[in-house]
Amino acid sequence: MSLAEQLIGQVINNFEIQDVIGRGGMGLVYRAYHPDLQRYAAVKVMRPELANQPGFYERFLQEARTAARLEHPNIVDVINFGRFGDSFYLMMDYIDGPSLRQLIIEHRDGLPLWDAAQIFWQIADVLIYSHAQGVLHRDLKPDNILLTHSIRPNRPYRAVVTDFGLVKLVQNSILETQEGISVGTPAYMSPEQCRGEDVDGRTDIYALGVMLYEAVTGQRPYPIRGLFDAAKFHASGKLIAPRALNSAIPLPLDILIRRMLIPDVSRRIGSAAEVVDALQELITILSKSADGGPVTSRLQRRITQEGKLPRVHLEKTVAEEEEPSTPAATSGEAPIAPFYIQVAYQEEWEDKMYPLSSAPVQVGRLASSSIVLDRPDRYISKKHCEIVIEEGRVLIRDLGSTNGTILNDEKLKPNIFHEWPPGVEVRLGPFTLALRTDKEVNALPSPPAEGAPPRAPTTKIHFYHFLSCVEAIPTRLPLAPDRALVIGRAADCDMVLDHPHVSKHHCRIQLGEAGPEIVDLRSTNGTFLNEQRLPAHVPIPWKDATTINVGPFTVTLEDHTPQTS
């Protein structure tokens, strides 16, 4: 029996190891299951020869703590870490979806450009956050990028980055000199990393450039088989331009990739924010199809609906058990009924409807939740409940919340799915959730339109003003003339600030005739410019200061308007 097989069936931190889902230079990754919480986790068990190195535990502890303190919706959450037998383990959230490597293999001529821009925009935004925290990844590669269902209403899916900082564990180890072991993955290592020099955020940008090149062309920039090849090819800079391999690649994207792959670190793109800006512009240009309609992502269904784990146990009533099961659809998939969720706070209903799909919908206080419910009274848990559609039925389960999930005036048992029939309301503290059918939603009066959506640009768009905040999600956004940016705590805001002192929709930033303007949206704690609290719903010119205060956060306005003589 192999070492990998010996661990199958063993229990770590109440999670039972089920099977191997990944192998790497540092160890094996297992899928594990907690029967009481009905939750999956990914468990990385380090190689024993690594764990036995002097000082490894101290380095492991430091890197595990670093990974655990990174809080970003596109970074995998670290659940636990510790010693297991003769080695150590790191336990993370299980991400149910394909890796970027799988998608590249499936698209040998390159991913659709709009999808590639969406995926790498999210990864680059992670780098803005992690680099601001002083944390480098050092081993970015398609295997460490997982794609799963979106938790934001304006994203088709979510790109999740794993293994932050773990490659540092083998630095200064005797294993570096052994055959087949290197710090990082040679095909994606920057020239300075290949030479063993000190690195900064630009080494992650180089690796991101290699991945982006591979994603849009279907092949890597260099034929690298080991560390020797990596040192030679990466330092040469002699690569085939991406557009020569895929003529559909726009010239700005071709230039961006080549700037990310400049061997001279002093001439390479210096920050992930610059990559985000370029990809944001590309997404804007590509966001309309050739016939003028919205882009439809061919990858969204692949990422969010296929390869799912078996659904956990659904508690049935006696009447349900006596009824024969409904035959499956001939296509092999149960049809998904069109349902929406409407939210009320203290019996005041919002106009917004949250559509349900096959992807789970998480409700809670976190800004990363699909539906964010947050008020100063704090009756809602960070992860309160989850809603899914299975075989045409809407199911809801409480996620172990403090104050409970109430269905039919009955508090649900934690972590057990119950059917939620239309016409029955769910209560979560001061909030009420109502399940609306497609017919009910269509019968509702439409809210007043704020203006027709802008037409797709046919020429290059120039963004001269940018909002930035290190703690925000995303950390940086361009301010366009035809679109205001809303800052707040709700997941549907353009820039999300997760804090109880930030209102759900706190303020709006827009471009007026004289330049950027700030509009406070009647926030509870106010929006401050030059230490002065702004009046509600009055456009105030943003001048004589580069920052505003929103709750405990500082939001900066970057003005790159060309100066005229």
Protein backbone atom coordinates (compact mmCIF):
# COMPACT_ATOMS: atom_id res chain seq x y z
CA MET A 1 0.00 0.00 0.00
CA SER A 2 1.40 3.42 -0.98
CA LEU A 3 1.83 6.25 1.49
CA ALA A 4 -1.03 8.10 -0.20
CA GLU A 5 -3.36 5.11 0.22
CA GLN A 6 -2.35 4.69 3.89
CA LEU A 7 -3.93 8.05 4.76
CA ILE A 8 -7.30 7.27 3.11
CA GLY A 9 -9.91 6.85 5.82
CA GLN A 10 -7.87 8.54 8.55
CA VAL A 11 -9.29 11.54 10.40
CA ILE A 12 -7.65 14.96 10.70
CA ASN A 13 -9.38 17.61 12.80
CA ASN A 14 -12.70 15.68 12.51
CA PHE A 15 -12.38 15.54 8.69
CA GLU A 16 -12.16 12.07 7.17
CA ILE A 17 -9.67 11.79 4.30
CA GLN A 18 -11.44 10.42 1.20
CA ASP A 19 -9.12 10.53 -1.81
CA VAL A 20 -6.11 12.23 -3.44
CA ILE A 21 -7.00 15.25 -5.60
CA GLY A 22 -3.54 16.70 -6.25
CA ARG A 23 0.19 15.99 -6.15
CA GLY A 24 3.05 18.47 -5.99
CA GLY A 25 6.66 18.94 -4.99
CA MET A 26 5.70 19.74 -1.40
CA GLY A 27 3.22 16.93 -0.82
CA LEU A 28 -0.18 15.47 -1.57
CA VAL A 29 -3.56 17.17 -1.49
CA TYR A 30 -6.55 15.16 -0.25
CA ARG A 31 -10.28 15.76 -0.26
CA ALA A 32 -11.71 15.32 3.24
CA TYR A 33 -15.24 15.38 4.64
CA HIS A 34 -16.67 16.44 8.01
CA PRO A 35 -19.82 14.28 8.53
CA ASP A 36 -21.34 16.47 11.26
CA LEU A 37 -20.82 19.80 9.48
CA GLN A 38 -21.47 18.11 6.10
CA ARG A 39 -18.56 20.10 4.70
CA TYR A 40 -15.65 19.25 2.42
CA ALA A 41 -12.08 20.50 2.84
CA ALA A 42 -8.81 20.23 0.93
CA VAL A 43 -5.93 18.94 3.08
CA LYS A 44 -2.33 19.39 1.95
CA VAL A 45 -0.01 16.96 3.76
CA MET A 46 3.67 17.90 3.48
CA ARG A 47 6.28 15.39 2.35
CA PRO A 48 7.97 13.74 5.37
CA GLU A 49 11.47 14.51 4.06
CA LEU A 50 10.53 18.19 4.02
CA ALA A 51 8.96 18.07 7.46
CA ASN A 52 12.10 16.50 8.94
CA GLN A 53 14.35 19.37 7.87
CA PRO A 54 15.75 21.49 10.74
CA GLY A 55 13.63 24.57 11.32
CA PHE A 56 10.88 23.45 8.94
CA TYR A 57 8.15 23.60 11.57
CA GLU A 58 8.95 27.22 12.43
CA ARG A 59 8.87 28.20 8.74
CA PHE A 60 5.69 26.19 8.19
CA LEU A 61 4.01 27.87 11.15
CA GLN A 62 4.97 31.33 9.89
CA GLU A 63 3.77 30.69 6.33
CA ALA A 64 0.54 29.05 7.53
CA ARG A 65 -0.19 32.07 9.69
CA THR A 66 0.54 34.37 6.78
CA ALA A 67 -1.80 32.45 4.49
CA ALA A 68 -4.50 32.34 7.17
CA ARG A 69 -4.55 36.12 7.65
CA LEU A 70 -5.13 36.84 3.95
CA GLU A 71 -8.83 37.64 3.61
CA HIS A 72 -9.94 38.09 0.02
CA PRO A 73 -12.82 36.38 -1.82
CA ASN A 74 -10.37 35.20 -4.50
CA ILE A 75 -7.92 33.61 -2.03
CA VAL A 76 -8.73 30.18 -0.63
CA ASP A 77 -9.53 30.27 3.09
CA VAL A 78 -7.17 28.41 5.44
CA ILE A 79 -9.23 26.46 8.00
CA ASN A 80 -6.55 24.82 10.14
CA PHE A 81 -2.98 23.61 10.21
CA GLY A 82 -0.87 21.43 12.48
CA ARG A 83 1.07 18.19 12.89
CA PHE A 84 -0.16 14.88 11.49
CA GLY A 85 1.95 11.78 12.11
CA ASP A 86 5.50 12.46 10.93
CA SER A 87 4.48 15.49 8.91
CA PHE A 88 2.36 18.64 8.90
CA TYR A 89 -0.89 19.52 7.20
CA LEU A 90 -2.62 22.64 5.94
CA MET A 91 -6.43 22.48 5.70
CA MET A 92 -8.24 24.77 3.26
CA ASP A 93 -11.73 25.29 1.89
CA TYR A 94 -12.55 22.78 -0.83
CA ILE A 95 -13.12 24.63 -4.12
CA ASP A 96 -15.55 22.68 -6.27
CA GLY A 97 -14.57 23.43 -9.84
CA PRO A 98 -11.87 22.94 -12.50
CA SER A 99 -8.38 24.38 -12.35
CA LEU A 100 -7.10 26.86 -14.89
CA ARG A 101 -4.82 24.05 -16.07
CA GLN A 102 -7.85 21.92 -16.98
CA LEU A 103 -9.43 24.81 -18.89
CA ILE A 104 -6.22 25.45 -20.85
CA ILE A 105 -6.02 21.76 -21.77
CA GLU A 106 -9.65 21.87 -22.96
CA HIS A 107 -8.99 25.00 -25.08
CA ARG A 108 -5.83 24.12 -26.97
CA ASP A 109 -6.07 27.21 -29.18
CA GLY A 110 -6.62 29.55 -26.24
CA LEU A 111 -9.47 30.51 -23.94
CA PRO A 112 -12.14 32.94 -25.19
CA LEU A 113 -10.56 36.37 -24.74
CA TRP A 114 -13.41 37.80 -22.65
CA ASP A 115 -13.17 34.86 -20.23
CA ALA A 116 -9.38 35.11 -20.04
CA ALA A 117 -9.64 38.82 -19.21
CA GLN A 118 -12.23 38.10 -16.50
CA ILE A 119 -10.12 35.36 -14.90
CA PHE A 120 -6.83 37.25 -14.93
CA TRP A 121 -8.46 40.49 -13.79
CA GLN A 122 -9.46 38.64 -10.60
CA ILE A 123 -6.01 37.09 -10.13
CA ALA A 124 -4.30 40.45 -10.61
CA ASP A 125 -6.63 42.02 -8.06
CA VAL A 126 -5.53 39.33 -5.58
CA LEU A 127 -1.91 40.38 -6.19
CA ILE A 128 -2.75 44.04 -5.48
CA TYR A 129 -4.13 42.95 -2.11
CA SER A 130 -1.43 40.41 -1.18
CA HIS A 131 1.47 42.65 -2.23
CA ALA A 132 -0.01 45.48 -0.12
CA GLN A 133 0.07 43.01 2.79
CA GLY A 134 3.73 42.27 2.06
CA VAL A 135 2.97 38.72 0.88
CA LEU A 136 4.31 37.27 -2.39
CA HIS A 137 2.95 34.09 -3.93
CA ARG A 138 6.20 32.93 -5.62
CA ASP A 139 4.59 29.92 -7.33
CA LEU A 140 1.74 31.18 -9.52
CA LYS A 141 0.79 28.55 -12.10
CA PRO A 142 -2.47 27.29 -13.67
CA ASP A 143 -2.62 24.40 -11.18
CA ASN A 144 -2.90 26.91 -8.31
CA ILE A 145 -5.88 28.74 -9.85
CA LEU A 146 -9.30 27.15 -9.29
CA LEU A 147 -12.55 28.31 -10.92
CA THR A 148 -15.88 28.00 -9.16
CA HIS A 149 -19.31 29.64 -8.89
CA SER A 150 -19.43 33.39 -8.40
CA ILE A 151 -20.22 35.04 -5.07
CA ARG A 152 -20.57 38.46 -6.71
CA PRO A 153 -23.62 39.32 -8.86
CA ASN A 154 -21.46 41.06 -11.48
CA ARG A 155 -18.96 38.21 -11.99
CA PRO A 156 -19.65 35.11 -14.14
CA TYR A 157 -17.46 32.93 -11.92
CA ARG A 158 -14.77 33.21 -9.28
CA ALA A 159 -11.04 32.58 -9.76
CA VAL A 160 -9.51 31.37 -6.48
CA VAL A 161 -5.75 31.46 -5.81
CA THR A 162 -4.26 28.72 -3.62
CA ASP A 163 -0.87 27.89 -2.03
CA PHE A 164 0.13 31.41 -1.01
CA GLY A 165 3.71 31.52 0.23
CA LEU A 166 4.10 27.74 0.58
CA VAL A 167 7.04 27.62 -1.82
CA LYS A 168 9.08 29.54 0.78
CA LEU A 169 9.01 26.42 2.92
CA VAL A 170 11.68 24.75 0.78
CA GLN A 171 13.96 27.77 0.60
CA ASN A 172 17.29 27.29 2.38
CA SER A 173 16.56 23.55 2.49
CA ILE A 174 19.03 20.86 1.36
CA LEU A 175 16.24 19.60 -0.90
CA GLU A 176 16.88 22.54 -3.23
CA THR A 177 19.93 20.79 -4.59
CA GLN A 178 18.26 17.42 -5.07
CA GLU A 179 17.15 16.37 -8.52
CA GLY A 180 13.60 17.34 -9.38
CA ILE A 181 13.22 19.84 -6.52
CA SER A 182 13.28 23.59 -7.13
CA VAL A 183 11.91 26.69 -5.49
CA GLY A 184 8.93 27.45 -7.69
CA THR A 185 7.79 25.87 -10.94
CA PRO A 186 10.45 26.43 -13.65
CA ALA A 187 8.07 27.15 -16.55
CA TYR A 188 6.57 30.09 -14.64
CA MET A 189 9.59 31.39 -12.71
CA SER A 190 10.94 34.86 -13.33
CA PRO A 191 14.59 35.22 -14.45
CA GLU A 192 15.59 36.67 -11.09
CA GLN A 193 13.87 33.79 -9.29
CA CYS A 194 15.74 31.29 -11.46
CA ARG A 195 19.01 32.97 -10.44
CA GLY A 196 18.12 32.71 -6.74
CA GLU A 197 18.04 36.48 -6.24
CA ASP A 198 15.82 38.40 -3.86
CA VAL A 199 12.39 38.91 -5.44
CA ASP A 200 9.48 41.33 -5.08
CA GLY A 201 5.97 41.64 -6.50
CA ARG A 202 7.32 41.81 -10.04
CA THR A 203 8.23 38.12 -9.92
CA ASP A 204 4.51 37.31 -9.41
CA ILE A 205 3.67 39.62 -12.33
CA TYR A 206 6.10 37.66 -14.53
CA ALA A 207 4.46 34.35 -13.58
CA LEU A 208 1.04 35.93 -14.24
CA GLY A 209 2.29 36.94 -17.70
CA VAL A 210 3.41 33.39 -18.48
CA MET A 211 -0.01 32.07 -17.46
CA LEU A 212 -1.85 34.73 -19.47
CA TYR A 213 0.30 33.95 -22.53
CA GLU A 214 -0.54 30.27 -22.16
CA ALA A 215 -4.23 30.92 -21.55
CA VAL A 216 -4.79 32.97 -24.74
CA THR A 217 -2.47 31.05 -27.09
CA GLY A 218 -2.72 27.49 -25.77
CA GLN A 219 1.04 27.16 -25.35
CA ARG A 220 3.78 28.47 -23.07
CA PRO A 221 6.22 31.14 -24.25
CA TYR A 222 9.25 28.84 -23.85
CA PRO A 223 9.85 25.03 -24.14
CA ILE A 224 11.07 24.56 -20.56
CA ARG A 225 11.68 21.11 -19.09
CA GLY A 226 13.69 21.98 -15.98
CA LEU A 227 15.52 24.66 -14.03
CA PHE A 228 18.43 24.84 -16.49
CA ASP A 229 16.06 25.52 -19.41
CA ALA A 230 14.19 28.04 -17.29
CA ALA A 231 17.32 30.05 -16.46
CA LYS A 232 18.31 30.15 -20.15
CA PHE A 233 14.97 30.90 -21.82
CA HIS A 234 13.44 33.28 -19.30
CA ALA A 235 16.55 35.47 -19.34
CA SER A 236 16.60 35.60 -23.16
CA GLY A 237 13.27 37.33 -23.69
CA LYS A 238 13.12 35.74 -27.15
CA LEU A 239 9.51 34.66 -27.36
CA ILE A 240 6.96 34.52 -30.16
CA ALA A 241 4.51 37.41 -29.90
CA PRO A 242 1.10 36.17 -28.71
CA ARG A 243 -0.66 37.71 -31.75
CA ALA A 244 1.53 35.59 -34.04
CA LEU A 245 -0.02 32.49 -32.46
CA ASN A 246 -3.58 33.82 -32.13
CA SER A 247 -4.54 36.62 -34.52
CA ALA A 248 -7.71 37.36 -32.50
CA ILE A 249 -5.64 38.76 -29.62
CA PRO A 250 -6.03 42.57 -29.54
CA LEU A 251 -2.82 44.55 -29.85
CA PRO A 252 -3.17 46.11 -26.34
CA LEU A 253 -3.35 42.61 -24.81
CA ASP A 254 -0.33 41.47 -26.82
CA ILE A 255 1.64 44.48 -25.58
CA LEU A 256 0.51 43.91 -21.98
CA ILE A 257 1.67 40.28 -21.99
CA ARG A 258 5.05 41.13 -23.48
CA ARG A 259 5.57 43.93 -20.92
CA MET A 260 4.83 41.47 -18.13
CA LEU A 261 7.44 39.08 -19.56
CA ILE A 262 10.35 41.55 -19.90
CA PRO A 263 13.43 39.79 -18.40
CA ASP A 264 14.87 43.05 -17.02
CA VAL A 265 12.93 43.48 -13.79
CA SER A 266 13.47 47.27 -13.86
CA ARG A 267 11.63 47.55 -17.20
CA ARG A 268 8.86 45.06 -16.42
CA ILE A 269 5.40 46.23 -15.35
CA GLY A 270 5.93 47.36 -11.78
CA SER A 271 2.58 46.75 -10.11
CA ALA A 272 -0.45 44.50 -10.35
CA ALA A 273 -2.64 47.62 -10.40
CA GLU A 274 -1.36 48.42 -13.89
CA VAL A 275 -2.35 44.92 -15.03
CA VAL A 276 -5.81 45.34 -13.50
CA ASP A 277 -6.31 48.67 -15.29
CA ALA A 278 -5.34 47.20 -18.67
CA LEU A 279 -7.57 44.15 -18.25
CA GLN A 280 -10.47 46.31 -17.02
CA GLU A 281 -10.21 48.34 -20.21
CA LEU A 282 -10.07 45.15 -22.29
CA ILE A 283 -13.18 43.76 -20.54
CA THR A 284 -15.04 46.99 -21.29
CA ILE A 285 -14.16 46.76 -24.97
CA LEU A 286 -15.01 43.04 -25.20
CA SER A 287 -18.22 43.25 -23.16
CA LYS A 288 -20.44 43.47 -26.23
CA SER A 289 -20.74 40.70 -28.78
CA ALA A 290 -20.45 41.29 -32.51
CA ASP A 291 -24.26 41.58 -32.88
CA GLY A 292 -24.45 44.26 -30.20
CA GLY A 293 -25.84 41.99 -27.50
CA PRO A 294 -24.16 41.14 -24.20
CA VAL A 295 -21.35 38.61 -24.16
CA THR A 296 -22.36 35.13 -23.04
CA SER A 297 -19.62 33.13 -21.35
CA ARG A 298 -19.24 29.64 -22.72
CA LEU A 299 -17.08 28.76 -19.73
CA GLN A 300 -19.60 29.79 -17.09
CA ARG A 301 -21.64 26.59 -17.35
CA ARG A 302 -18.48 24.47 -17.48
CA ILE A 303 -17.12 26.11 -14.35
CA THR A 304 -20.24 26.42 -12.22
CA GLN A 305 -22.37 23.40 -13.10
CA GLU A 306 -20.14 20.44 -13.95
CA GLY A 307 -18.19 18.10 -11.73
CA LYS A 308 -20.09 18.88 -8.55
CA LEU A 309 -19.78 16.76 -5.44
CA PRO A 310 -22.79 14.74 -4.32
CA ARG A 311 -25.33 16.96 -2.57
CA VAL A 312 -25.48 16.42 1.18
CA HIS A 313 -28.42 14.70 2.87
CA LEU A 314 -31.84 16.34 2.44
CA GLU A 315 -34.20 15.80 5.34
CA LYS A 316 -37.54 14.54 3.94
CA THR A 317 -41.01 14.49 5.43
CA VAL A 318 -43.01 11.27 5.70
CA ALA A 319 -45.29 12.41 2.87
CA GLU A 320 -42.30 12.97 0.59
CA GLU A 321 -40.90 9.52 1.31
CA GLU A 322 -44.17 7.90 0.28
CA GLU A 323 -44.26 9.66 -3.10
CA PRO A 324 -42.43 8.15 -6.05
CA SER A 325 -39.37 10.08 -7.14
CA THR A 326 -39.67 12.31 -10.18
CA PRO A 327 -37.98 10.81 -13.25
CA ALA A 328 -34.85 12.66 -14.33
CA ALA A 329 -34.94 14.71 -17.51
CA THR A 330 -33.90 12.86 -20.64
CA SER A 331 -30.81 15.04 -20.93
CA GLY A 332 -29.55 13.67 -17.60
CA GLU A 333 -30.05 17.01 -15.83
CA ALA A 334 -33.03 18.15 -13.82
CA PRO A 335 -34.47 21.39 -15.18
CA ILE A 336 -33.75 24.47 -13.11
CA ALA A 337 -36.87 26.45 -12.25
CA PRO A 338 -36.59 30.25 -12.45
CA PHE A 339 -36.69 31.49 -8.85
CA TYR A 340 -35.63 34.76 -7.27
CA ILE A 341 -35.05 35.89 -3.68
CA GLN A 342 -36.34 39.22 -2.39
CA VAL A 343 -35.09 40.71 0.89
CA ALA A 344 -36.87 42.89 3.45
CA TYR A 345 -35.32 44.63 6.44
CA GLN A 346 -37.82 45.35 9.22
CA GLU A 347 -40.64 44.60 6.73
CA GLU A 348 -39.40 47.09 4.11
CA TRP A 349 -38.84 45.17 0.85
CA GLU A 350 -35.93 45.93 -1.48
CA ASP A 351 -36.56 46.37 -5.19
CA LYS A 352 -33.63 44.14 -6.09
CA MET A 353 -34.20 40.45 -6.96
CA TYR A 354 -31.44 37.86 -6.51
CA PRO A 355 -31.74 35.10 -9.17
CA LEU A 356 -31.19 31.48 -8.16
CA SER A 357 -29.16 29.14 -10.36
CA SER A 358 -27.50 25.78 -9.89
CA ALA A 359 -24.68 27.48 -7.98
CA PRO A 360 -25.19 27.64 -4.18
CA VAL A 361 -26.26 31.03 -2.83
CA GLN A 362 -24.73 31.93 0.53
CA VAL A 363 -26.44 34.48 2.75
CA GLY A 364 -24.59 36.21 5.56
CA ARG A 365 -22.82 39.26 6.90
CA LEU A 366 -19.59 38.84 4.89
CA ALA A 367 -19.14 41.11 1.89
CA SER A 368 -18.19 37.98 -0.08
CA SER A 369 -21.65 36.46 0.44
CA SER A 370 -24.00 36.14 -2.53
CA ILE A 371 -26.62 38.08 -0.52
CA VAL A 372 -25.15 40.42 2.08
CA LEU A 373 -27.31 41.14 5.16
CA ASP A 374 -25.55 43.47 7.56
CA ARG A 375 -26.88 46.02 10.03
CA PRO A 376 -25.44 47.41 13.27
CA ASP A 377 -27.73 45.17 15.37
CA ARG A 378 -25.70 42.12 14.24
CA TYR A 379 -28.39 39.44 14.31
CA ILE A 380 -26.90 37.84 11.19
CA SER A 381 -23.91 35.47 11.28
CA LYS A 382 -21.02 35.87 8.87
CA LYS A 383 -22.13 32.70 7.08
CA HIS A 384 -25.78 32.37 8.03
CA CYS A 385 -27.54 30.07 5.55
CA GLU A 386 -27.19 28.51 2.09
CA ILE A 387 -29.78 28.11 -0.67
CA VAL A 388 -29.58 25.70 -3.62
CA ILE A 389 -31.83 24.32 -6.36
CA GLU A 390 -31.94 20.54 -6.66
CA GLU A 391 -34.30 18.63 -8.95
CA GLY A 392 -36.43 21.73 -9.45
CA ARG A 393 -36.88 22.30 -5.70
CA VAL A 394 -35.44 25.16 -3.64
CA LEU A 395 -33.54 23.90 -0.59
CA ILE A 396 -32.26 25.93 2.35
CA ARG A 397 -30.01 25.03 5.26
CA ASP A 398 -28.76 26.92 8.27
CA LEU A 399 -24.95 27.09 8.47
CA GLY A 400 -24.76 26.95 12.25
CA SER A 401 -25.82 30.58 12.71
CA THR A 402 -26.02 32.11 16.18
CA ASN A 403 -29.66 33.27 15.97
CA GLY A 404 -31.02 30.64 13.60
CA THR A 405 -32.89 30.39 10.31
CA ILE A 406 -36.70 30.34 10.71
CA LEU A 407 -38.85 28.54 8.12
CA ASN A 408 -42.60 28.05 8.75
CA ASP A 409 -42.08 29.49 12.24
CA GLU A 410 -39.67 26.63 12.96
CA LYS A 411 -35.96 27.02 13.63
CA LEU A 412 -34.04 24.81 11.18
CA LYS A 413 -31.55 22.24 12.39
CA PRO A 414 -28.01 23.34 11.38
CA ASN A 415 -26.42 21.91 8.24
CA ILE A 416 -29.48 19.96 7.04
CA PHE A 417 -31.25 20.97 3.84
CA HIS A 418 -35.02 21.61 4.06
CA GLU A 419 -37.33 22.35 1.17
CA TRP A 420 -38.37 26.00 0.83
CA PRO A 421 -41.72 26.15 -1.01
CA PRO A 422 -42.84 29.35 -2.81
CA GLY A 423 -45.18 31.51 -0.74
CA VAL A 424 -43.37 30.75 2.54
CA GLU A 425 -41.10 33.41 4.02
CA VAL A 426 -37.79 32.78 5.80
CA ARG A 427 -36.79 34.94 8.75
CA LEU A 428 -33.18 35.74 9.69
CA GLY A 429 -33.21 38.12 12.63
CA PRO A 430 -34.71 41.44 11.40
CA PHE A 431 -34.55 40.26 7.78
CA THR A 432 -37.19 38.39 5.78
CA LEU A 433 -36.46 36.40 2.62
CA ALA A 434 -39.25 35.71 0.13
CA LEU A 435 -39.06 33.22 -2.71
CA ARG A 436 -40.43 34.71 -5.94
CA THR A 437 -41.22 32.80 -9.12
CA ASP A 438 -40.36 34.07 -12.57
CA LYS A 439 -44.05 34.86 -13.15
CA GLU A 440 -44.25 36.96 -9.98
CA VAL A 441 -41.12 38.91 -10.88
CA ASN A 442 -42.39 39.67 -14.38
CA ALA A 443 -45.64 40.97 -12.90
CA LEU A 444 -43.83 43.48 -10.68
CA PRO A 445 -43.60 47.09 -11.94
CA SER A 446 -40.17 47.90 -13.33
CA PRO A 447 -38.08 50.40 -11.31
CA PRO A 448 -37.40 53.70 -13.07
CA ALA A 449 -34.50 53.40 -15.47
CA GLU A 450 -31.42 55.46 -14.78
CA GLY A 451 -30.64 55.71 -18.49
CA ALA A 452 -29.97 53.38 -21.36
CA PRO A 453 -26.81 51.27 -21.11
CA PRO A 454 -23.86 52.74 -23.00
CA ARG A 455 -23.03 51.37 -26.42
CA ALA A 456 -19.94 49.31 -26.82
CA PRO A 457 -16.94 51.54 -27.51
CA THR A 458 -15.42 51.28 -30.93
CA THR A 459 -12.24 53.15 -30.09
CA LYS A 460 -9.71 52.98 -27.29
CA ILE A 461 -11.09 54.09 -23.94
CA HIS A 462 -8.94 56.32 -21.73
CA PHE A 463 -9.46 56.22 -17.98
CA TYR A 464 -7.95 59.24 -16.24
CA HIS A 465 -9.42 58.85 -12.75
CA PHE A 466 -9.08 55.79 -10.51
CA LEU A 467 -10.44 54.93 -7.08
CA SER A 468 -8.19 52.85 -4.86
CA CYS A 469 -8.37 51.39 -1.37
CA VAL A 470 -6.09 48.56 -0.23
CA GLU A 471 -8.77 47.00 2.00
CA ALA A 472 -11.52 47.17 -0.65
CA ILE A 473 -12.78 44.52 -3.06
CA PRO A 474 -11.66 45.23 -5.73
CA THR A 475 -8.77 47.38 -4.61
CA ARG A 476 -8.73 49.68 -7.65
CA LEU A 477 -11.33 50.76 -10.22
CA PRO A 478 -11.41 53.21 -13.15
CA LEU A 479 -13.99 56.01 -13.11
CA ALA A 480 -15.74 56.16 -16.48
CA PRO A 481 -17.66 59.19 -17.79
CA ASP A 482 -20.83 57.17 -18.38
CA ARG A 483 -20.88 55.09 -15.18
CA ALA A 484 -20.84 56.08 -11.52
CA LEU A 485 -19.16 53.87 -8.93
CA VAL A 486 -21.01 52.96 -5.73
CA ILE A 487 -19.01 52.28 -2.56
CA GLY A 488 -20.58 50.34 0.29
CA ARG A 489 -20.95 47.11 2.20
CA ALA A 490 -23.38 45.32 -0.13
CA ALA A 491 -22.04 42.72 -2.55
CA ASP A 492 -23.60 44.54 -5.52
CA CYS A 493 -21.50 47.67 -4.91
CA ASP A 494 -18.71 48.41 -7.36
CA MET A 495 -16.22 48.72 -4.48
CA VAL A 496 -17.05 46.68 -1.36
CA LEU A 497 -15.85 47.74 2.12
CA ASP A 498 -16.75 45.08 4.68
CA HIS A 499 -17.28 46.87 7.99
CA PRO A 500 -20.34 47.60 10.18
CA HIS A 501 -19.57 51.35 10.08
CA VAL A 502 -19.97 51.34 6.30
CA SER A 503 -23.55 51.53 5.02
CA LYS A 504 -24.90 49.02 2.53
CA HIS A 505 -24.76 51.69 -0.19
CA HIS A 506 -22.60 54.38 1.36
CA CYS A 507 -21.62 56.87 -1.34
CA ARG A 508 -21.38 57.30 -5.11
CA ILE A 509 -18.46 58.67 -7.12
CA GLN A 510 -19.28 60.14 -10.51
CA LEU A 511 -17.81 62.43 -13.15
CA GLY A 512 -19.55 65.79 -13.40
CA GLU A 513 -18.90 68.64 -15.78
CA ALA A 514 -16.13 69.99 -13.55
CA GLY A 515 -14.60 66.63 -12.67
CA PRO A 516 -15.13 63.89 -10.05
CA GLU A 517 -18.00 64.34 -7.59
CA ILE A 518 -18.94 62.60 -4.33
CA VAL A 519 -22.54 61.87 -3.42
CA ASP A 520 -23.28 60.58 0.06
CA LEU A 521 -26.19 58.10 -0.13
CA ARG A 522 -27.61 59.01 3.28
CA SER A 523 -25.07 56.79 5.01
CA THR A 524 -25.37 56.17 8.73
CA ASN A 525 -21.87 57.31 9.69
CA GLY A 526 -21.25 59.78 6.89
CA THR A 527 -18.76 60.39 4.08
CA PHE A 528 -15.96 62.81 4.98
CA LEU A 529 -13.94 65.12 2.70
CA ASN A 530 -11.32 67.33 4.38
CA GLU A 531 -12.78 66.24 7.74
CA GLN A 532 -16.14 67.70 6.75
CA ARG A 533 -19.17 65.42 6.67
CA LEU A 534 -20.89 65.68 3.29
CA PRO A 535 -24.64 66.37 3.00
CA ALA A 536 -26.75 63.48 1.75
CA HIS A 537 -27.69 63.21 -1.93
CA VAL A 538 -25.83 66.39 -2.91
CA PRO A 539 -23.02 66.12 -5.53
CA ILE A 540 -19.90 67.62 -3.96
CA PRO A 541 -16.85 68.31 -6.18
CA TRP A 542 -13.90 66.16 -5.16
CA LYS A 543 -11.09 68.69 -5.13
CA ASP A 544 -8.41 70.10 -2.84
CA ALA A 545 -7.91 66.59 -1.42
CA THR A 546 -7.01 63.19 -2.83
CA THR A 547 -8.79 61.08 -0.22
CA ILE A 548 -12.18 60.65 1.43
CA ASN A 549 -13.03 58.72 4.57
CA VAL A 550 -15.74 56.05 4.44
CA GLY A 551 -16.15 54.54 7.89
CA PRO A 552 -12.64 53.46 8.97
CA PHE A 553 -11.42 53.28 5.36
CA THR A 554 -9.49 55.80 3.27
CA VAL A 555 -10.41 55.88 -0.41
CA THR A 556 -7.94 57.62 -2.73
CA LEU A 557 -8.66 59.39 -6.01
CA GLU A 558 -5.82 59.07 -8.51
CA ASP A 559 -5.92 61.77 -11.18
CA HIS A 560 -3.97 60.92 -14.33
CA THR A 561 -5.57 63.56 -16.53
CA PRO A 562 -3.01 64.76 -19.13
CA GLN A 563 -1.77 68.26 -18.40
CA THR A 564 -2.26 70.79 -21.18
CA SER A 565 0.13 73.65 -21.64
